[in-house]
Protein backbone atom coordinates (compact mmCIF):
# COMPACT_ATOMS: atom_id res chain seq x y z
CA MET A 1 40.54 -6.96 15.76
CA THR A 2 37.31 -6.88 17.75
CA ILE A 3 37.24 -8.29 21.28
CA ALA A 4 34.03 -9.74 22.72
CA THR A 5 32.90 -11.66 25.79
CA VAL A 6 30.55 -14.61 25.46
CA THR A 7 28.59 -15.79 28.52
CA LYS A 8 26.55 -18.94 29.12
CA ALA A 9 24.60 -19.76 32.29
CA PHE A 10 24.17 -23.15 33.96
CA ASP A 11 22.04 -24.22 36.94
CA PHE A 12 22.94 -27.06 39.31
CA CYS A 13 22.66 -28.10 42.94
CA TYR A 14 25.13 -29.20 45.57
CA GLY A 15 25.25 -29.79 49.29
CA HIS A 16 28.05 -28.86 51.65
CA ARG A 17 28.93 -27.83 55.15
CA LEU A 18 31.47 -25.37 56.46
CA PRO A 19 32.61 -26.59 59.89
CA ASN A 20 34.21 -23.24 60.80
CA VAL A 21 31.18 -21.10 59.95
CA GLN A 22 28.41 -21.30 62.54
CA LYS A 23 25.55 -20.59 60.13
CA CYS A 24 26.88 -23.22 57.67
CA LEU A 25 27.94 -25.85 60.22
CA ASN A 26 25.04 -28.18 59.42
CA PRO A 27 24.84 -29.94 56.06
CA HIS A 28 22.73 -27.89 53.68
CA GLY A 29 22.32 -27.35 49.96
CA HIS A 30 22.25 -24.66 47.35
CA ASN A 31 20.56 -24.29 43.98
CA VAL A 32 23.26 -22.35 42.20
CA ARG A 33 23.65 -20.53 38.93
CA LEU A 34 27.02 -20.55 37.23
CA GLU A 35 27.84 -18.02 34.54
CA VAL A 36 30.90 -18.78 32.46
CA SER A 37 32.29 -15.95 30.33
CA VAL A 38 35.11 -16.22 27.82
CA THR A 39 36.81 -13.22 26.26
CA GLY A 40 38.70 -13.18 23.03
CA ALA A 41 39.01 -11.96 19.51
CA ILE A 42 36.12 -12.57 17.15
CA ASN A 43 37.41 -15.24 14.75
CA GLU A 44 36.92 -15.68 11.01
CA ASP A 45 33.58 -17.42 11.70
CA GLY A 46 32.35 -14.30 13.51
CA MET A 47 32.55 -15.84 17.00
CA VAL A 48 34.71 -15.92 20.09
CA ILE A 49 33.37 -19.42 20.76
CA ASP A 50 30.23 -21.22 19.68
CA PHE A 51 27.71 -21.42 22.55
CA SER A 52 27.37 -25.18 22.05
CA LYS A 53 31.14 -25.64 22.32
CA LEU A 54 31.19 -23.62 25.53
CA LYS A 55 28.39 -25.82 26.88
CA THR A 56 30.37 -28.94 25.93
CA LEU A 57 33.44 -27.62 27.77
CA VAL A 58 31.47 -26.77 30.94
CA GLU A 59 29.16 -29.79 31.22
CA PRO A 60 31.74 -32.28 32.62
CA ILE A 61 32.53 -30.11 35.66
CA ILE A 62 28.83 -29.37 36.24
CA SER A 63 28.06 -33.09 36.09
CA LYS A 64 30.78 -33.76 38.65
CA TYR A 65 29.35 -31.34 41.24
CA ASP A 66 25.62 -31.51 40.46
CA HIS A 67 23.70 -33.15 43.33
CA ALA A 68 26.93 -34.06 45.12
CA PHE A 69 27.96 -33.31 48.68
CA LEU A 70 31.14 -31.21 48.80
CA VAL A 71 33.31 -31.53 51.88
CA ASN A 72 36.69 -30.43 53.16
CA ALA A 73 39.03 -33.45 53.21
CA SER A 74 40.03 -32.51 56.77
CA ASP A 75 36.41 -32.29 57.99
CA ASP A 76 35.87 -34.46 61.09
CA ASP A 77 32.88 -36.07 59.34
CA VAL A 78 34.58 -36.88 56.03
CA ASP A 79 34.96 -40.61 56.78
CA PHE A 80 31.29 -40.85 57.75
CA LEU A 81 30.25 -39.05 54.58
CA LYS A 82 32.49 -41.20 52.36
CA ALA A 83 31.01 -44.32 53.97
CA LEU A 84 27.57 -43.37 52.66
CA SER A 85 28.24 -45.22 49.43
CA LYS A 86 24.86 -44.38 47.89
CA TYR A 87 25.79 -40.69 47.90
CA ARG A 88 28.44 -38.81 45.94
CA THR A 89 30.86 -37.06 48.26
CA ILE A 90 33.57 -34.93 46.70
CA GLN A 91 36.53 -33.90 48.82
CA PHE A 92 38.17 -30.50 48.55
CA PHE A 93 41.49 -29.54 50.11
CA SER A 94 39.85 -26.58 51.82
CA ASN A 95 36.34 -25.58 52.81
CA PRO A 96 34.01 -25.85 49.79
CA THR A 97 32.97 -22.21 49.85
CA ALA A 98 31.51 -20.49 46.80
CA GLU A 99 34.93 -18.90 46.23
CA ILE A 100 36.75 -22.25 46.27
CA ILE A 101 34.14 -23.98 44.09
CA ALA A 102 34.34 -21.15 41.53
CA GLN A 103 38.14 -21.42 41.62
CA TYR A 104 38.04 -25.22 41.04
CA ILE A 105 35.65 -24.70 38.14
CA ILE A 106 37.75 -22.02 36.48
CA ASP A 107 40.94 -24.08 36.89
CA TYR A 108 39.19 -27.00 35.15
CA LEU A 109 37.96 -24.72 32.36
CA VAL A 110 41.37 -23.13 31.77
CA GLU A 111 42.73 -26.63 31.10
CA ALA A 112 39.72 -27.59 28.95
CA ILE A 113 40.09 -24.46 26.83
CA ALA A 114 43.86 -24.94 26.53
CA VAL A 115 43.39 -28.35 24.87
CA SER A 116 40.43 -27.29 22.73
CA ASP A 117 40.63 -25.52 19.41
CA CYS A 118 40.05 -21.98 20.74
CA PRO A 119 43.26 -20.07 20.02
CA ASN A 120 41.52 -16.69 20.09
CA ILE A 121 40.37 -16.92 23.74
CA TYR A 122 42.56 -15.14 26.26
CA GLY A 123 40.38 -14.69 29.33
CA ILE A 124 37.73 -16.50 31.31
CA SER A 125 35.60 -15.71 34.31
CA THR A 126 33.14 -17.67 36.39
CA ARG A 127 30.36 -16.13 38.42
CA LEU A 128 28.79 -18.52 40.91
CA TYR A 129 25.52 -17.41 42.51
CA GLU A 130 25.08 -19.22 45.83
CA THR A 131 21.78 -17.39 46.27
CA PRO A 132 20.00 -15.05 43.84
CA ASP A 133 21.59 -12.01 45.49
CA SER A 134 25.00 -13.40 46.56
CA TRP A 135 27.76 -14.45 44.18
CA VAL A 136 31.48 -14.74 43.71
CA GLU A 137 33.40 -14.03 40.53
CA VAL A 138 36.80 -15.49 39.65
CA GLN A 139 38.82 -14.40 36.62
CA LYS A 140 41.86 -15.76 34.81
CA SER A 141 43.82 -14.49 31.83
CA PHE A 142 45.77 -16.64 29.40
CA GLY A 143 47.58 -13.82 27.63
CA MET A 144 46.65 -12.94 24.08
CA CYS A 145 46.74 -15.99 21.81
CA LYS A 146 47.30 -15.84 18.07
CA MET A 147 44.30 -16.47 15.87
CA LYS A 148 44.52 -19.21 13.26
């Protein structure tokens, strides 16, 4: 059995503020790059996962966060931000740091992969670039799954 890792990159934008970090106290935005990698056994079709299927799995979470303002639910300004009905504000249960955003994305993707027809995938990682030279990587393992 041959193991391979397949990676696809996505670009999107979001705004946020981190009330406990002086440099990030004011609302600001990021043009981010997300790399999603899945690891598994190459299946009978010669793939770990088709790139288009990976894109289909990732697009809903990208659409949720793209051009949205991400805020901690306990932020003093959350009610003000939610009242701006023309704007999408998404609440997190902690500060929306790159680490937390990458964790939310990978948790979503673990569930999406679990219900999709990808029995050969056993690991996933997300790498979120907040700037071109600063990123966070989060990894999860599913345990080796049986191939069909």
